[in-house]
Amino acid sequence: MTPFQPDKHVAHDRKIHPTVWALGFVSLFMDISSEIIHSLLPVFLVSVIGASVQTVGLIEGVAEATAMVTRIFSGSLSDWLGKRKVLAMVGYGR
């Protein structure tokens, strides 16, 4: 039995569409910026504003719950409309 050897010509013929590259980079930069803010926000709230640790926990909990509910409804809306590209552009363009 010989190991599977893929056709070398097939891999070179496929190109990634520019829209996929653009959305990939937008997603990367959005993730980087949100991670920076998420990591610094609790420090800012406690040290500068003087919020308690419980208040920061409450804010984080409400934010997570809101994000989860939004994902559920946006997924249902995407399935119902069937226009995922428009919804992705609206989501990243907000």
N, C-alpha and C. Protein backbone atom coordinates (compact mmCIF):
# COMPACT_ATOMS: atom_id res chain seq x y z
N MET A 1 0.84 -1.16 0.00
CA MET A 1 0.00 0.00 0.00
C MET A 1 0.89 1.24 0.00
N THR A 2 0.60 2.19 -0.86
CA THR A 2 1.40 3.42 -0.91
C THR A 2 0.66 4.53 -0.19
N PRO A 3 1.40 5.45 0.43
CA PRO A 3 0.73 6.56 1.11
C PRO A 3 0.06 7.49 0.11
N PHE A 4 -0.95 8.16 0.57
CA PHE A 4 -1.70 9.08 -0.29
C PHE A 4 -0.82 10.28 -0.64
N GLN A 5 -0.71 10.57 -1.92
CA GLN A 5 0.05 11.73 -2.37
C GLN A 5 -0.89 12.63 -3.16
N PRO A 6 -1.23 13.81 -2.61
CA PRO A 6 -2.16 14.69 -3.33
C PRO A 6 -1.53 15.24 -4.61
N ASP A 7 -2.36 15.56 -5.54
CA ASP A 7 -1.90 16.13 -6.80
C ASP A 7 -1.30 17.51 -6.54
N LYS A 8 -0.07 17.73 -6.96
CA LYS A 8 0.62 18.99 -6.67
C LYS A 8 0.02 20.16 -7.42
N HIS A 9 -0.64 19.90 -8.54
CA HIS A 9 -1.19 20.99 -9.34
C HIS A 9 -2.45 21.58 -8.71
N VAL A 10 -3.18 20.79 -7.96
CA VAL A 10 -4.44 21.25 -7.38
C VAL A 10 -4.19 22.32 -6.33
N ALA A 11 -3.18 22.17 -5.51
CA ALA A 11 -2.92 23.11 -4.43
C ALA A 11 -2.52 24.49 -4.97
N HIS A 12 -1.87 24.55 -6.10
CA HIS A 12 -1.42 25.83 -6.65
C HIS A 12 -2.53 26.54 -7.43
N ASP A 13 -3.55 25.84 -7.83
CA ASP A 13 -4.61 26.45 -8.61
C ASP A 13 -5.62 27.19 -7.75
N ARG A 14 -5.68 26.89 -6.49
CA ARG A 14 -6.64 27.54 -5.60
C ARG A 14 -6.07 28.84 -5.06
N LYS A 15 -6.88 29.89 -5.14
CA LYS A 15 -6.47 31.17 -4.58
C LYS A 15 -7.55 31.64 -3.63
N ILE A 16 -7.13 32.31 -2.60
CA ILE A 16 -8.10 32.82 -1.63
C ILE A 16 -8.64 34.14 -2.13
N HIS A 17 -9.94 34.26 -2.12
CA HIS A 17 -10.62 35.46 -2.62
C HIS A 17 -10.23 36.67 -1.78
N PRO A 18 -10.05 37.84 -2.39
CA PRO A 18 -9.67 39.05 -1.64
C PRO A 18 -10.63 39.42 -0.52
N THR A 19 -11.91 39.11 -0.68
CA THR A 19 -12.88 39.39 0.38
C THR A 19 -12.58 38.57 1.62
N VAL A 20 -12.17 37.33 1.42
CA VAL A 20 -11.82 36.47 2.56
C VAL A 20 -10.60 37.03 3.27
N TRP A 21 -9.59 37.49 2.50
CA TRP A 21 -8.41 38.11 3.12
C TRP A 21 -8.81 39.35 3.90
N ALA A 22 -9.66 40.20 3.31
CA ALA A 22 -10.07 41.44 3.98
C ALA A 22 -10.82 41.14 5.28
N LEU A 23 -11.76 40.22 5.23
CA LEU A 23 -12.50 39.86 6.45
C LEU A 23 -11.59 39.22 7.49
N GLY A 24 -10.61 38.46 7.05
CA GLY A 24 -9.66 37.86 7.98
C GLY A 24 -8.85 38.92 8.72
N PHE A 25 -8.35 39.92 7.98
CA PHE A 25 -7.58 40.97 8.62
C PHE A 25 -8.44 41.86 9.52
N VAL A 26 -9.66 42.15 9.08
CA VAL A 26 -10.58 42.93 9.92
C VAL A 26 -10.86 42.19 11.21
N SER A 27 -11.10 40.90 11.11
CA SER A 27 -11.36 40.09 12.29
C SER A 27 -10.15 40.06 13.22
N LEU A 28 -8.95 39.93 12.64
CA LEU A 28 -7.73 39.93 13.44
C LEU A 28 -7.57 41.22 14.22
N PHE A 29 -7.72 42.35 13.53
CA PHE A 29 -7.53 43.64 14.20
C PHE A 29 -8.63 43.93 15.22
N MET A 30 -9.87 43.49 14.92
CA MET A 30 -10.95 43.67 15.90
C MET A 30 -10.68 42.84 17.15
N ASP A 31 -10.20 41.62 16.97
CA ASP A 31 -9.89 40.76 18.11
C ASP A 31 -8.75 41.32 18.94
N ILE A 32 -7.71 41.82 18.28
CA ILE A 32 -6.58 42.41 19.00
C ILE A 32 -7.03 43.62 19.81
N SER A 33 -7.79 44.51 19.19
CA SER A 33 -8.21 45.72 19.90
C SER A 33 -9.16 45.41 21.05
N SER A 34 -10.07 44.46 20.85
CA SER A 34 -10.99 44.14 21.94
C SER A 34 -10.28 43.42 23.08
N GLU A 35 -9.29 42.59 22.78
CA GLU A 35 -8.54 41.93 23.85
C GLU A 35 -7.74 42.94 24.67
N ILE A 36 -7.19 43.94 24.02
CA ILE A 36 -6.45 44.98 24.75
C ILE A 36 -7.39 45.72 25.70
N ILE A 37 -8.56 46.09 25.20
CA ILE A 37 -9.52 46.83 26.02
C ILE A 37 -10.04 45.94 27.15
N HIS A 38 -10.37 44.69 26.84
CA HIS A 38 -10.90 43.79 27.88
C HIS A 38 -9.90 43.55 29.00
N SER A 39 -8.63 43.54 28.66
CA SER A 39 -7.65 43.30 29.72
C SER A 39 -7.37 44.55 30.55
N LEU A 40 -7.55 45.73 29.99
CA LEU A 40 -7.26 46.97 30.73
C LEU A 40 -8.48 47.57 31.43
N LEU A 41 -9.67 47.23 31.01
CA LEU A 41 -10.87 47.83 31.58
C LEU A 41 -11.04 47.56 33.08
N PRO A 42 -10.87 46.34 33.58
CA PRO A 42 -11.00 46.14 35.03
C PRO A 42 -9.97 46.92 35.84
N VAL A 43 -8.75 47.02 35.33
CA VAL A 43 -7.72 47.79 36.03
C VAL A 43 -8.13 49.26 36.08
N PHE A 44 -8.64 49.78 34.96
CA PHE A 44 -9.10 51.16 34.92
C PHE A 44 -10.25 51.40 35.89
N LEU A 45 -11.23 50.50 35.89
CA LEU A 45 -12.40 50.68 36.75
C LEU A 45 -12.01 50.68 38.23
N VAL A 46 -11.11 49.80 38.63
CA VAL A 46 -10.74 49.69 40.04
C VAL A 46 -9.77 50.80 40.45
N SER A 47 -8.75 51.05 39.64
CA SER A 47 -7.71 51.98 40.08
C SER A 47 -8.06 53.44 39.82
N VAL A 48 -8.66 53.76 38.71
CA VAL A 48 -8.94 55.16 38.38
C VAL A 48 -10.31 55.60 38.87
N ILE A 49 -11.33 54.84 38.58
CA ILE A 49 -12.69 55.22 38.96
C ILE A 49 -12.99 54.85 40.40
N GLY A 50 -12.35 53.82 40.91
CA GLY A 50 -12.57 53.41 42.28
C GLY A 50 -13.72 52.44 42.46
N ALA A 51 -14.06 51.70 41.40
CA ALA A 51 -15.13 50.72 41.50
C ALA A 51 -14.66 49.52 42.33
N SER A 52 -15.62 48.88 42.96
CA SER A 52 -15.28 47.70 43.75
C SER A 52 -15.11 46.48 42.83
N VAL A 53 -14.51 45.44 43.37
CA VAL A 53 -14.31 44.21 42.60
C VAL A 53 -15.66 43.58 42.25
N GLN A 54 -16.63 43.69 43.15
CA GLN A 54 -17.97 43.16 42.89
C GLN A 54 -18.63 43.90 41.73
N THR A 55 -18.42 45.22 41.65
CA THR A 55 -19.00 46.00 40.57
C THR A 55 -18.39 45.59 39.23
N VAL A 56 -17.09 45.38 39.23
CA VAL A 56 -16.43 44.93 38.01
C VAL A 56 -16.97 43.56 37.59
N GLY A 57 -17.17 42.67 38.54
CA GLY A 57 -17.74 41.36 38.24
C GLY A 57 -19.14 41.46 37.69
N LEU A 58 -19.95 42.36 38.23
CA LEU A 58 -21.31 42.56 37.74
C LEU A 58 -21.28 43.10 36.31
N ILE A 59 -20.42 44.06 36.05
CA ILE A 59 -20.31 44.62 34.70
C ILE A 59 -19.88 43.55 33.72
N GLU A 60 -18.89 42.75 34.08
CA GLU A 60 -18.42 41.68 33.20
C GLU A 60 -19.51 40.64 32.96
N GLY A 61 -20.27 40.30 34.00
CA GLY A 61 -21.34 39.33 33.85
C GLY A 61 -22.45 39.81 32.93
N VAL A 62 -22.84 41.07 33.07
CA VAL A 62 -23.87 41.64 32.20
C VAL A 62 -23.37 41.70 30.76
N ALA A 63 -22.10 42.06 30.58
CA ALA A 63 -21.53 42.13 29.23
C ALA A 63 -21.51 40.76 28.57
N GLU A 64 -21.11 39.73 29.30
CA GLU A 64 -21.09 38.37 28.75
C GLU A 64 -22.49 37.88 28.42
N ALA A 65 -23.45 38.15 29.30
CA ALA A 65 -24.83 37.72 29.06
C ALA A 65 -25.40 38.43 27.83
N THR A 66 -25.12 39.71 27.69
CA THR A 66 -25.60 40.46 26.53
C THR A 66 -24.98 39.92 25.25
N ALA A 67 -23.70 39.60 25.27
CA ALA A 67 -23.04 39.06 24.09
C ALA A 67 -23.64 37.71 23.69
N MET A 68 -23.93 36.86 24.67
CA MET A 68 -24.49 35.55 24.36
C MET A 68 -25.90 35.66 23.79
N VAL A 69 -26.72 36.52 24.36
CA VAL A 69 -28.09 36.70 23.85
C VAL A 69 -28.05 37.28 22.45
N THR A 70 -27.16 38.23 22.22
CA THR A 70 -27.02 38.82 20.89
C THR A 70 -26.61 37.78 19.87
N ARG A 71 -25.71 36.88 20.23
CA ARG A 71 -25.27 35.83 19.31
C ARG A 71 -26.42 34.90 18.95
N ILE A 72 -27.25 34.59 19.92
CA ILE A 72 -28.37 33.69 19.65
C ILE A 72 -29.33 34.32 18.66
N PHE A 73 -29.70 35.58 18.91
CA PHE A 73 -30.66 36.24 18.03
C PHE A 73 -30.05 36.57 16.67
N SER A 74 -28.78 36.91 16.62
CA SER A 74 -28.17 37.20 15.32
C SER A 74 -28.02 35.94 14.49
N GLY A 75 -27.76 34.81 15.14
CA GLY A 75 -27.70 33.55 14.41
C GLY A 75 -29.05 33.17 13.82
N SER A 76 -30.10 33.36 14.60
CA SER A 76 -31.45 33.08 14.10
C SER A 76 -31.82 34.02 12.97
N LEU A 77 -31.45 35.30 13.12
CA LEU A 77 -31.73 36.29 12.07
C LEU A 77 -30.97 35.94 10.80
N SER A 78 -29.74 35.50 10.93
CA SER A 78 -28.93 35.11 9.77
C SER A 78 -29.56 33.91 9.05
N ASP A 79 -30.04 32.93 9.80
CA ASP A 79 -30.69 31.77 9.19
C ASP A 79 -31.98 32.17 8.49
N TRP A 80 -32.73 33.08 9.11
CA TRP A 80 -34.02 33.48 8.57
C TRP A 80 -33.85 34.32 7.30
N LEU A 81 -32.92 35.30 7.33
CA LEU A 81 -32.71 36.16 6.17
C LEU A 81 -31.91 35.47 5.07
N GLY A 82 -30.91 34.70 5.46
CA GLY A 82 -30.06 34.04 4.48
C GLY A 82 -29.04 34.96 3.84
N LYS A 83 -28.87 36.16 4.39
CA LYS A 83 -27.92 37.14 3.84
C LYS A 83 -26.80 37.33 4.84
N ARG A 84 -25.89 36.39 4.87
CA ARG A 84 -24.84 36.41 5.88
C ARG A 84 -23.78 37.47 5.60
N LYS A 85 -23.51 37.74 4.33
CA LYS A 85 -22.49 38.74 4.00
C LYS A 85 -22.92 40.13 4.47
N VAL A 86 -24.17 40.47 4.26
CA VAL A 86 -24.68 41.78 4.70
C VAL A 86 -24.62 41.88 6.22
N LEU A 87 -25.01 40.84 6.91
CA LEU A 87 -24.98 40.86 8.37
C LEU A 87 -23.55 40.94 8.90
N ALA A 88 -22.61 40.27 8.24
CA ALA A 88 -21.21 40.36 8.65
C ALA A 88 -20.68 41.77 8.46
N MET A 89 -21.05 42.40 7.36
CA MET A 89 -20.59 43.78 7.11
C MET A 89 -21.20 44.74 8.12
N VAL A 90 -22.45 44.56 8.45
CA VAL A 90 -23.10 45.41 9.46
C VAL A 90 -22.47 45.17 10.82
N GLY A 91 -22.17 43.93 11.15
CA GLY A 91 -21.57 43.61 12.45
C GLY A 91 -20.19 44.19 12.61
N TYR A 92 -19.38 44.14 11.59
CA TYR A 92 -18.03 44.69 11.67
C TYR A 92 -18.02 46.19 11.45
N GLY A 93 -19.04 46.71 10.81
CA GLY A 93 -19.08 48.15 10.54
C GLY A 93 -19.72 48.99 11.61
N ARG A 94 -20.22 48.37 12.64
CA ARG A 94 -20.92 49.12 13.68
C ARG A 94 -20.05 50.06 14.41
